[in-house]
PDB file of N, CA and C in Angstrom:
ATOM      1  N   MET A   1      23.994  54.034 -20.593  1.00  0.00           N
ATOM      2  CA  MET A   1      24.312  52.653 -20.953  1.00  0.00           C
ATOM      3  C   MET A   1      24.226  51.763 -19.707  1.00  0.00           C
ATOM      4  N   ILE A   2      23.715  50.570 -19.891  1.00  0.00           N
ATOM      5  CA  ILE A   2      23.538  49.661 -18.755  1.00  0.00           C
ATOM      6  C   ILE A   2      24.852  48.960 -18.455  1.00  0.00           C
ATOM      7  N   LYS A   3      25.232  49.008 -17.195  1.00  0.00           N
ATOM      8  CA  LYS A   3      26.445  48.286 -16.794  1.00  0.00           C
ATOM      9  C   LYS A   3      26.030  46.954 -16.185  1.00  0.00           C
ATOM     10  N   PHE A   4      26.513  45.883 -16.753  1.00  0.00           N
ATOM     11  CA  PHE A   4      26.195  44.559 -16.226  1.00  0.00           C
ATOM     12  C   PHE A   4      27.218  44.165 -15.181  1.00  0.00           C
ATOM     13  N   LYS A   5      26.723  43.700 -14.055  1.00  0.00           N
ATOM     14  CA  LYS A   5      27.648  43.188 -13.044  1.00  0.00           C
ATOM     15  C   LYS A   5      28.181  41.850 -13.530  1.00  0.00           C
ATOM     16  N   PRO A   6      29.446  41.587 -13.314  1.00  0.00           N
ATOM     17  CA  PRO A   6      29.962  40.267 -13.688  1.00  0.00           C
ATOM     18  C   PRO A   6      29.245  39.191 -12.880  1.00  0.00           C
ATOM     19  N   TYR A   7      28.895  38.110 -13.557  1.00  0.00           N
ATOM     20  CA  TYR A   7      28.143  37.054 -12.891  1.00  0.00           C
ATOM     21  C   TYR A   7      29.022  36.369 -11.859  1.00  0.00           C
ATOM     22  N   LYS A   8      28.564  36.422 -10.624  1.00  0.00           N
ATOM     23  CA  LYS A   8      29.299  35.752  -9.555  1.00  0.00           C
ATOM     24  C   LYS A   8      28.448  34.578  -9.074  1.00  0.00           C
ATOM     25  N   ALA A   9      28.969  33.381  -9.228  1.00  0.00           N
ATOM     26  CA  ALA A   9      28.223  32.207  -8.797  1.00  0.00           C
ATOM     27  C   ALA A   9      28.195  32.187  -7.277  1.00  0.00           C
ATOM     28  N   ARG A  10      26.999  32.203  -6.730  1.00  0.00           N
ATOM     29  CA  ARG A  10      26.910  32.113  -5.268  1.00  0.00           C
ATOM     30  C   ARG A  10      27.060  30.653  -4.864  1.00  0.00           C
ATOM     31  N   GLU A  11      27.599  30.453  -3.686  1.00  0.00           N
ATOM     32  CA  GLU A  11      27.815  29.075  -3.242  1.00  0.00           C
ATOM     33  C   GLU A  11      26.450  28.403  -3.074  1.00  0.00           C
ATOM     34  N   PRO A  12      26.320  27.161  -3.489  1.00  0.00           N
ATOM     35  CA  PRO A  12      25.027  26.483  -3.436  1.00  0.00           C
ATOM     36  C   PRO A  12      24.524  26.362  -2.002  1.00  0.00           C
ATOM     37  N   ASN A  13      23.222  26.516  -1.871  1.00  0.00           N
ATOM     38  CA  ASN A  13      22.596  26.437  -0.556  1.00  0.00           C
ATOM     39  C   ASN A  13      22.235  24.972  -0.298  1.00  0.00           C
ATOM     40  N   TYR A  14      23.188  24.264   0.276  1.00  0.00           N
ATOM     41  CA  TYR A  14      23.013  22.817   0.421  1.00  0.00           C
ATOM     42  C   TYR A  14      21.863  22.481   1.352  1.00  0.00           C
ATOM     43  N   LYS A  15      21.722  23.283   2.424  1.00  0.00           N
ATOM     44  CA  LYS A  15      20.673  22.972   3.398  1.00  0.00           C
ATOM     45  C   LYS A  15      19.301  23.064   2.740  1.00  0.00           C
ATOM     46  N   ASN A  16      19.110  24.131   1.954  1.00  0.00           N
ATOM     47  CA  ASN A  16      17.839  24.325   1.275  1.00  0.00           C
ATOM     48  C   ASN A  16      17.556  23.173   0.320  1.00  0.00           C
ATOM     49  N   GLN A  17      18.564  22.809  -0.461  1.00  0.00           N
ATOM     50  CA  GLN A  17      18.395  21.719  -1.421  1.00  0.00           C
ATOM     51  C   GLN A  17      18.087  20.414  -0.707  1.00  0.00           C
ATOM     52  N   LEU A  18      18.761  20.195   0.417  1.00  0.00           N
ATOM     53  CA  LEU A  18      18.539  18.971   1.180  1.00  0.00           C
ATOM     54  C   LEU A  18      17.096  18.903   1.669  1.00  0.00           C
ATOM     55  N   TYR A  19      16.606  20.032   2.203  1.00  0.00           N
ATOM     56  CA  TYR A  19      15.230  20.054   2.696  1.00  0.00           C
ATOM     57  C   TYR A  19      14.234  19.812   1.572  1.00  0.00           C
ATOM     58  N   LEU A  20      14.499  20.430   0.401  1.00  0.00           N
ATOM     59  CA  LEU A  20      13.603  20.217  -0.738  1.00  0.00           C
ATOM     60  C   LEU A  20      13.598  18.740  -1.132  1.00  0.00           C
ATOM     61  N   PHE A  21      14.800  18.170  -1.175  1.00  0.00           N
ATOM     62  CA  PHE A  21      14.952  16.768  -1.568  1.00  0.00           C
ATOM     63  C   PHE A  21      14.200  15.864  -0.590  1.00  0.00           C
ATOM     64  N   LEU A  22      14.413  16.105   0.702  1.00  0.00           N
ATOM     65  CA  LEU A  22      13.753  15.285   1.723  1.00  0.00           C
ATOM     66  C   LEU A  22      12.245  15.444   1.647  1.00  0.00           C
ATOM     67  N   GLY A  23      11.791  16.673   1.451  1.00  0.00           N
ATOM     68  CA  GLY A  23      10.358  16.924   1.343  1.00  0.00           C
ATOM     69  C   GLY A  23       9.754  16.155   0.183  1.00  0.00           C
ATOM     70  N   ALA A  24      10.442  16.195  -0.957  1.00  0.00           N
ATOM     71  CA  ALA A  24       9.946  15.476  -2.131  1.00  0.00           C
ATOM     72  C   ALA A  24       9.870  13.979  -1.837  1.00  0.00           C
ATOM     73  N   TRP A  25      10.924  13.452  -1.219  1.00  0.00           N
ATOM     74  CA  TRP A  25      10.954  12.020  -0.934  1.00  0.00           C
ATOM     75  C   TRP A  25       9.857  11.613   0.026  1.00  0.00           C
ATOM     76  N   THR A  26       9.678  12.395   1.096  1.00  0.00           N
ATOM     77  CA  THR A  26       8.652  12.029   2.076  1.00  0.00           C
ATOM     78  C   THR A  26       7.275  12.085   1.441  1.00  0.00           C
ATOM     79  N   ASN A  27       7.032  13.100   0.593  1.00  0.00           N
ATOM     80  CA  ASN A  27       5.738  13.178  -0.086  1.00  0.00           C
ATOM     81  C   ASN A  27       5.506  11.942  -0.937  1.00  0.00           C
ATOM     82  N   LEU A  28       6.536  11.553  -1.689  1.00  0.00           N
ATOM     83  CA  LEU A  28       6.430  10.395  -2.569  1.00  0.00           C
ATOM     84  C   LEU A  28       6.139   9.137  -1.757  1.00  0.00           C
ATOM     85  N   ILE A  29       6.919   8.941  -0.700  1.00  0.00           N
ATOM     86  CA  ILE A  29       6.784   7.726   0.107  1.00  0.00           C
ATOM     87  C   ILE A  29       5.419   7.687   0.787  1.00  0.00           C
ATOM     88  N   LEU A  30       4.997   8.815   1.350  1.00  0.00           N
ATOM     89  CA  LEU A  30       3.708   8.845   2.037  1.00  0.00           C
ATOM     90  C   LEU A  30       2.572   8.599   1.062  1.00  0.00           C
ATOM     91  N   ALA A  31       2.663   9.154  -0.129  1.00  0.00           N
ATOM     92  CA  ALA A  31       1.610   8.940  -1.127  1.00  0.00           C
ATOM     93  C   ALA A  31       1.506   7.453  -1.460  1.00  0.00           C
ATOM     94  N   ARG A  32       2.655   6.811  -1.664  1.00  0.00           N
ATOM     95  CA  ARG A  32       2.644   5.387  -1.992  1.00  0.00           C
ATOM     96  C   ARG A  32       2.124   4.568  -0.818  1.00  0.00           C
ATOM     97  N   TYR A  33       2.541   4.945   0.371  1.00  0.00           N
ATOM     98  CA  TYR A  33       2.134   4.255   1.598  1.00  0.00           C
ATOM     99  C   TYR A  33       0.612   4.310   1.741  1.00  0.00           C
ATOM    100  N   ASP A  34       0.064   5.514   1.565  1.00  0.00           N
ATOM    101  CA  ASP A  34      -1.385   5.690   1.673  1.00  0.00           C
ATOM    102  C   ASP A  34      -2.112   4.849   0.631  1.00  0.00           C
ATOM    103  N   ALA A  35      -1.617   4.886  -0.599  1.00  0.00           N
ATOM    104  CA  ALA A  35      -2.268   4.134  -1.671  1.00  0.00           C
ATOM    105  C   ALA A  35      -2.240   2.643  -1.345  1.00  0.00           C
ATOM    106  N   PHE A  36      -1.081   2.173  -0.888  1.00  0.00           N
ATOM    107  CA  PHE A  36      -0.905   0.758  -0.575  1.00  0.00           C
ATOM    108  C   PHE A  36      -1.901   0.318   0.494  1.00  0.00           C
ATOM    109  N   PHE A  37      -1.999   1.114   1.551  1.00  0.00           N
ATOM    110  CA  PHE A  37      -2.874   0.710   2.647  1.00  0.00           C
ATOM    111  C   PHE A  37      -4.336   0.927   2.321  1.00  0.00           C
ATOM    112  N   ALA A  38      -4.628   1.876   1.443  1.00  0.00           N
ATOM    113  CA  ALA A  38      -6.015   2.066   1.015  1.00  0.00           C
ATOM    114  C   ALA A  38      -6.481   0.825   0.260  1.00  0.00           C
ATOM    115  N   ILE A  39      -5.585   0.246  -0.526  1.00  0.00           N
ATOM    116  CA  ILE A  39      -5.932  -0.974  -1.257  1.00  0.00           C
ATOM    117  C   ILE A  39      -6.104  -2.129  -0.271  1.00  0.00           C
ATOM    118  N   LYS A  40      -5.207  -2.204   0.718  1.00  0.00           N
ATOM    119  CA  LYS A  40      -5.219  -3.335   1.646  1.00  0.00           C
ATOM    120  C   LYS A  40      -6.435  -3.311   2.576  1.00  0.00           C
ATOM    121  N   GLN A  41      -6.870  -2.117   2.947  1.00  0.00           N
ATOM    122  CA  GLN A  41      -7.965  -2.019   3.914  1.00  0.00           C
ATOM    123  C   GLN A  41      -9.270  -2.547   3.318  1.00  0.00           C
ATOM    124  N   GLU A  42     -10.094  -3.097   4.170  1.00  0.00           N
ATOM    125  CA  GLU A  42     -11.420  -3.514   3.724  1.00  0.00           C
ATOM    126  C   GLU A  42     -12.300  -2.282   3.594  1.00  0.00           C
ATOM    127  N   ALA A  43     -13.274  -2.377   2.730  1.00  0.00           N
ATOM    128  CA  ALA A  43     -14.222  -1.275   2.610  1.00  0.00           C
ATOM    129  C   ALA A  43     -15.055  -1.230   3.885  1.00  0.00           C
ATOM    130  N   PRO A  44     -15.366  -0.046   4.386  1.00  0.00           N
ATOM    131  CA  PRO A  44     -16.186   0.043   5.605  1.00  0.00           C
ATOM    132  C   PRO A  44     -17.559  -0.566   5.373  1.00  0.00           C
ATOM    133  N   LYS A  45     -17.962  -1.426   6.290  1.00  0.00           N
ATOM    134  CA  LYS A  45     -19.248  -2.104   6.126  1.00  0.00           C
ATOM    135  C   LYS A  45     -20.383  -1.148   6.485  1.00  0.00           C
ATOM    136  N   PRO A  46     -21.433  -1.106   5.687  1.00  0.00           N
ATOM    137  CA  PRO A  46     -22.563  -0.227   6.025  1.00  0.00           C
ATOM    138  C   PRO A  46     -23.259  -0.744   7.281  1.00  0.00           C
ATOM    139  N   ASN A  47     -23.430   0.125   8.256  1.00  0.00           N
ATOM    140  CA  ASN A  47     -24.063  -0.323   9.505  1.00  0.00           C
ATOM    141  C   ASN A  47     -25.574  -0.376   9.329  1.00  0.00           C
ATOM    142  N   LYS A  48     -26.139  -1.496   9.793  1.00  0.00           N
ATOM    143  CA  LYS A  48     -27.585  -1.694   9.642  1.00  0.00           C
ATOM    144  C   LYS A  48     -28.276  -1.192  10.897  1.00  0.00           C
ATOM    145  N   ASN A  49     -29.175  -0.249  10.695  1.00  0.00           N
ATOM    146  CA  ASN A  49     -29.887   0.308  11.864  1.00  0.00           C
ATOM    147  C   ASN A  49     -31.180  -0.454  12.052  1.00  0.00           C
TER     148      ASN A  49
END
């Protein structure tokens, strides 16, 4: 017969969650930043040889 261990809630890993949260935020912000500046920038002019 299988003996189940009683479920013990481990203390939350705050540091890990914080890093995940920060990573998500930076990705979001950088993506928006890039999009914003891509729109603002002029298209590169074709150089005439």
